[in-house]
Amino acid sequence: MQDKKLQDTLERAQATATKAVKISLIACCVIIIFAALSLWVLLNRITATANLVIMQKEYEMSVENVEKHYNEK
């Protein structure tokens, strides 16, 4: 009788542990997905900032060229 009770308890403990491992694996996958999305957004922001800096330098150079041509006339 006690052996059966102990066996049932062990089986329930094993089932609970299995569910806990599955839940933790799912949570880890979700965290990895969110981390990847965060990294992707960060890289996009860095790229956008770099492109804005390049465009700003190009505009500054074109304004300087226009000023030079205007001052020459």
N, C-alpha and C. Protein backbone atom coordinates (compact mmCIF):
# COMPACT_ATOMS: atom_id res chain seq x y z
N MET A 1 0.82 -1.20 0.00
CA MET A 1 0.00 0.00 0.00
C MET A 1 0.86 1.26 0.00
N GLN A 2 1.87 1.25 0.89
CA GLN A 2 2.74 2.42 0.94
C GLN A 2 3.59 2.52 -0.33
N ASP A 3 3.95 1.38 -0.87
CA ASP A 3 4.74 1.39 -2.10
C ASP A 3 3.94 2.02 -3.25
N LYS A 4 2.67 1.68 -3.33
CA LYS A 4 1.82 2.25 -4.38
C LYS A 4 1.65 3.75 -4.17
N LYS A 5 1.48 4.16 -2.91
CA LYS A 5 1.34 5.58 -2.59
C LYS A 5 2.62 6.33 -2.95
N LEU A 6 3.75 5.73 -2.59
CA LEU A 6 5.04 6.34 -2.91
C LEU A 6 5.24 6.40 -4.42
N GLN A 7 4.85 5.35 -5.12
CA GLN A 7 4.97 5.31 -6.57
C GLN A 7 4.10 6.40 -7.22
N ASP A 8 2.86 6.57 -6.73
CA ASP A 8 1.98 7.62 -7.25
C ASP A 8 2.58 9.00 -7.01
N THR A 9 3.12 9.19 -5.82
CA THR A 9 3.75 10.47 -5.48
C THR A 9 4.94 10.75 -6.40
N LEU A 10 5.75 9.74 -6.64
CA LEU A 10 6.90 9.91 -7.52
C LEU A 10 6.47 10.20 -8.96
N GLU A 11 5.42 9.53 -9.41
CA GLU A 11 4.93 9.78 -10.76
C GLU A 11 4.39 11.20 -10.91
N ARG A 12 3.66 11.66 -9.87
CA ARG A 12 3.16 13.04 -9.92
C ARG A 12 4.30 14.05 -9.87
N ALA A 13 5.32 13.75 -9.07
CA ALA A 13 6.48 14.63 -8.99
C ALA A 13 7.21 14.67 -10.34
N GLN A 14 7.31 13.52 -10.98
CA GLN A 14 7.96 13.46 -12.29
C GLN A 14 7.16 14.24 -13.32
N ALA A 15 5.84 14.09 -13.29
CA ALA A 15 4.99 14.81 -14.24
C ALA A 15 5.08 16.33 -14.01
N THR A 16 5.10 16.72 -12.74
CA THR A 16 5.22 18.15 -12.42
C THR A 16 6.57 18.69 -12.87
N ALA A 17 7.62 17.92 -12.66
CA ALA A 17 8.96 18.36 -13.09
C ALA A 17 9.03 18.47 -14.61
N THR A 18 8.41 17.53 -15.31
CA THR A 18 8.40 17.59 -16.77
C THR A 18 7.67 18.83 -17.27
N LYS A 19 6.53 19.13 -16.65
CA LYS A 19 5.79 20.35 -17.02
C LYS A 19 6.60 21.59 -16.73
N ALA A 20 7.30 21.60 -15.59
CA ALA A 20 8.12 22.76 -15.24
C ALA A 20 9.24 22.97 -16.24
N VAL A 21 9.86 21.89 -16.69
CA VAL A 21 10.93 22.00 -17.69
C VAL A 21 10.37 22.51 -19.01
N LYS A 22 9.22 22.03 -19.42
CA LYS A 22 8.60 22.50 -20.66
C LYS A 22 8.28 23.98 -20.57
N ILE A 23 7.72 24.41 -19.44
CA ILE A 23 7.38 25.82 -19.26
C ILE A 23 8.64 26.68 -19.30
N SER A 24 9.70 26.23 -18.64
CA SER A 24 10.93 27.01 -18.64
C SER A 24 11.55 27.08 -20.03
N LEU A 25 11.47 26.00 -20.80
CA LEU A 25 11.99 26.03 -22.17
C LEU A 25 11.20 26.98 -23.05
N ILE A 26 9.89 26.97 -22.89
CA ILE A 26 9.05 27.91 -23.65
C ILE A 26 9.38 29.35 -23.26
N ALA A 27 9.56 29.59 -21.96
CA ALA A 27 9.91 30.94 -21.51
C ALA A 27 11.26 31.38 -22.08
N CYS A 28 12.22 30.47 -22.12
CA CYS A 28 13.53 30.79 -22.70
C CYS A 28 13.41 31.12 -24.18
N CYS A 29 12.61 30.36 -24.90
CA CYS A 29 12.40 30.64 -26.32
C CYS A 29 11.78 32.02 -26.53
N VAL A 30 10.80 32.35 -25.72
CA VAL A 30 10.15 33.67 -25.82
C VAL A 30 11.16 34.77 -25.53
N ILE A 31 11.99 34.58 -24.51
CA ILE A 31 13.00 35.59 -24.17
C ILE A 31 14.00 35.74 -25.31
N ILE A 32 14.40 34.65 -25.92
CA ILE A 32 15.35 34.72 -27.04
C ILE A 32 14.73 35.45 -28.22
N ILE A 33 13.45 35.21 -28.47
CA ILE A 33 12.77 35.91 -29.57
C ILE A 33 12.73 37.41 -29.30
N PHE A 34 12.37 37.79 -28.08
CA PHE A 34 12.32 39.22 -27.75
C PHE A 34 13.71 39.86 -27.79
N ALA A 35 14.72 39.13 -27.37
CA ALA A 35 16.09 39.65 -27.43
C ALA A 35 16.53 39.86 -28.88
N ALA A 36 16.17 38.91 -29.74
CA ALA A 36 16.52 39.05 -31.16
C ALA A 36 15.80 40.24 -31.78
N LEU A 37 14.53 40.43 -31.44
CA LEU A 37 13.80 41.59 -31.95
C LEU A 37 14.41 42.89 -31.45
N SER A 38 14.80 42.91 -30.19
CA SER A 38 15.42 44.10 -29.63
C SER A 38 16.74 44.42 -30.34
N LEU A 39 17.53 43.40 -30.58
CA LEU A 39 18.80 43.59 -31.29
C LEU A 39 18.55 44.08 -32.71
N TRP A 40 17.54 43.53 -33.37
CA TRP A 40 17.22 43.96 -34.73
C TRP A 40 16.81 45.43 -34.76
N VAL A 41 15.98 45.84 -33.80
CA VAL A 41 15.56 47.25 -33.73
C VAL A 41 16.77 48.14 -33.46
N LEU A 42 17.64 47.72 -32.56
CA LEU A 42 18.84 48.50 -32.25
C LEU A 42 19.72 48.66 -33.48
N LEU A 43 19.93 47.58 -34.22
CA LEU A 43 20.75 47.67 -35.43
C LEU A 43 20.10 48.56 -36.49
N ASN A 44 18.79 48.51 -36.61
CA ASN A 44 18.10 49.38 -37.55
C ASN A 44 18.26 50.85 -37.15
N ARG A 45 18.19 51.13 -35.86
CA ARG A 45 18.36 52.51 -35.41
C ARG A 45 19.78 53.00 -35.67
N ILE A 46 20.75 52.13 -35.45
CA ILE A 46 22.15 52.52 -35.71
C ILE A 46 22.34 52.79 -37.19
N THR A 47 21.80 51.94 -38.04
CA THR A 47 21.91 52.13 -39.48
C THR A 47 21.22 53.42 -39.92
N ALA A 48 20.05 53.68 -39.39
CA ALA A 48 19.32 54.89 -39.75
C ALA A 48 20.09 56.13 -39.31
N THR A 49 20.67 56.09 -38.12
CA THR A 49 21.46 57.23 -37.65
C THR A 49 22.68 57.45 -38.54
N ALA A 50 23.34 56.37 -38.92
CA ALA A 50 24.51 56.50 -39.79
C ALA A 50 24.11 57.08 -41.15
N ASN A 51 22.98 56.64 -41.68
CA ASN A 51 22.52 57.18 -42.96
C ASN A 51 22.17 58.65 -42.84
N LEU A 52 21.58 59.05 -41.71
CA LEU A 52 21.27 60.47 -41.52
C LEU A 52 22.53 61.31 -41.45
N VAL A 53 23.56 60.80 -40.80
CA VAL A 53 24.83 61.53 -40.72
C VAL A 53 25.44 61.68 -42.11
N ILE A 54 25.39 60.63 -42.90
CA ILE A 54 25.93 60.69 -44.26
C ILE A 54 25.16 61.71 -45.09
N MET A 55 23.83 61.67 -44.99
CA MET A 55 23.01 62.63 -45.74
C MET A 55 23.29 64.06 -45.29
N GLN A 56 23.47 64.26 -43.99
CA GLN A 56 23.74 65.60 -43.48
C GLN A 56 25.06 66.12 -44.03
N LYS A 57 26.08 65.27 -44.07
CA LYS A 57 27.37 65.69 -44.62
C LYS A 57 27.25 66.03 -46.10
N GLU A 58 26.48 65.23 -46.84
CA GLU A 58 26.28 65.52 -48.26
C GLU A 58 25.58 66.86 -48.45
N TYR A 59 24.57 67.14 -47.63
CA TYR A 59 23.87 68.43 -47.73
C TYR A 59 24.79 69.59 -47.37
N GLU A 60 25.62 69.39 -46.36
CA GLU A 60 26.56 70.45 -45.98
C GLU A 60 27.53 70.73 -47.13
N MET A 61 28.02 69.67 -47.77
CA MET A 61 28.95 69.87 -48.89
C MET A 61 28.25 70.57 -50.05
N SER A 62 27.00 70.21 -50.33
CA SER A 62 26.30 70.85 -51.43
C SER A 62 26.01 72.32 -51.09
N VAL A 63 25.70 72.62 -49.84
CA VAL A 63 25.47 74.01 -49.45
C VAL A 63 26.76 74.81 -49.58
N GLU A 64 27.88 74.20 -49.18
CA GLU A 64 29.17 74.89 -49.32
C GLU A 64 29.48 75.16 -50.78
N ASN A 65 29.18 74.21 -51.65
CA ASN A 65 29.41 74.40 -53.08
C ASN A 65 28.54 75.53 -53.62
N VAL A 66 27.28 75.57 -53.20
CA VAL A 66 26.39 76.64 -53.65
C VAL A 66 26.90 77.99 -53.14
N GLU A 67 27.36 78.03 -51.91
CA GLU A 67 27.90 79.29 -51.36
C GLU A 67 29.14 79.75 -52.11
N LYS A 68 30.01 78.79 -52.46
CA LYS A 68 31.20 79.15 -53.22
C LYS A 68 30.84 79.72 -54.58
N HIS A 69 29.90 79.07 -55.28
CA HIS A 69 29.48 79.55 -56.59
C HIS A 69 28.79 80.92 -56.47
N TYR A 70 28.03 81.11 -55.43
CA TYR A 70 27.33 82.38 -55.24
C TYR A 70 28.31 83.49 -54.93
N ASN A 71 29.32 83.19 -54.12
CA ASN A 71 30.32 84.21 -53.76
C ASN A 71 31.22 84.55 -54.94
N GLU A 72 31.43 83.61 -55.87
CA GLU A 72 32.26 83.87 -57.03
C GLU A 72 31.60 84.83 -57.99
N LYS A 73 30.26 84.84 -58.03
CA LYS A 73 29.55 85.68 -58.98
C LYS A 73 29.40 87.04 -58.46
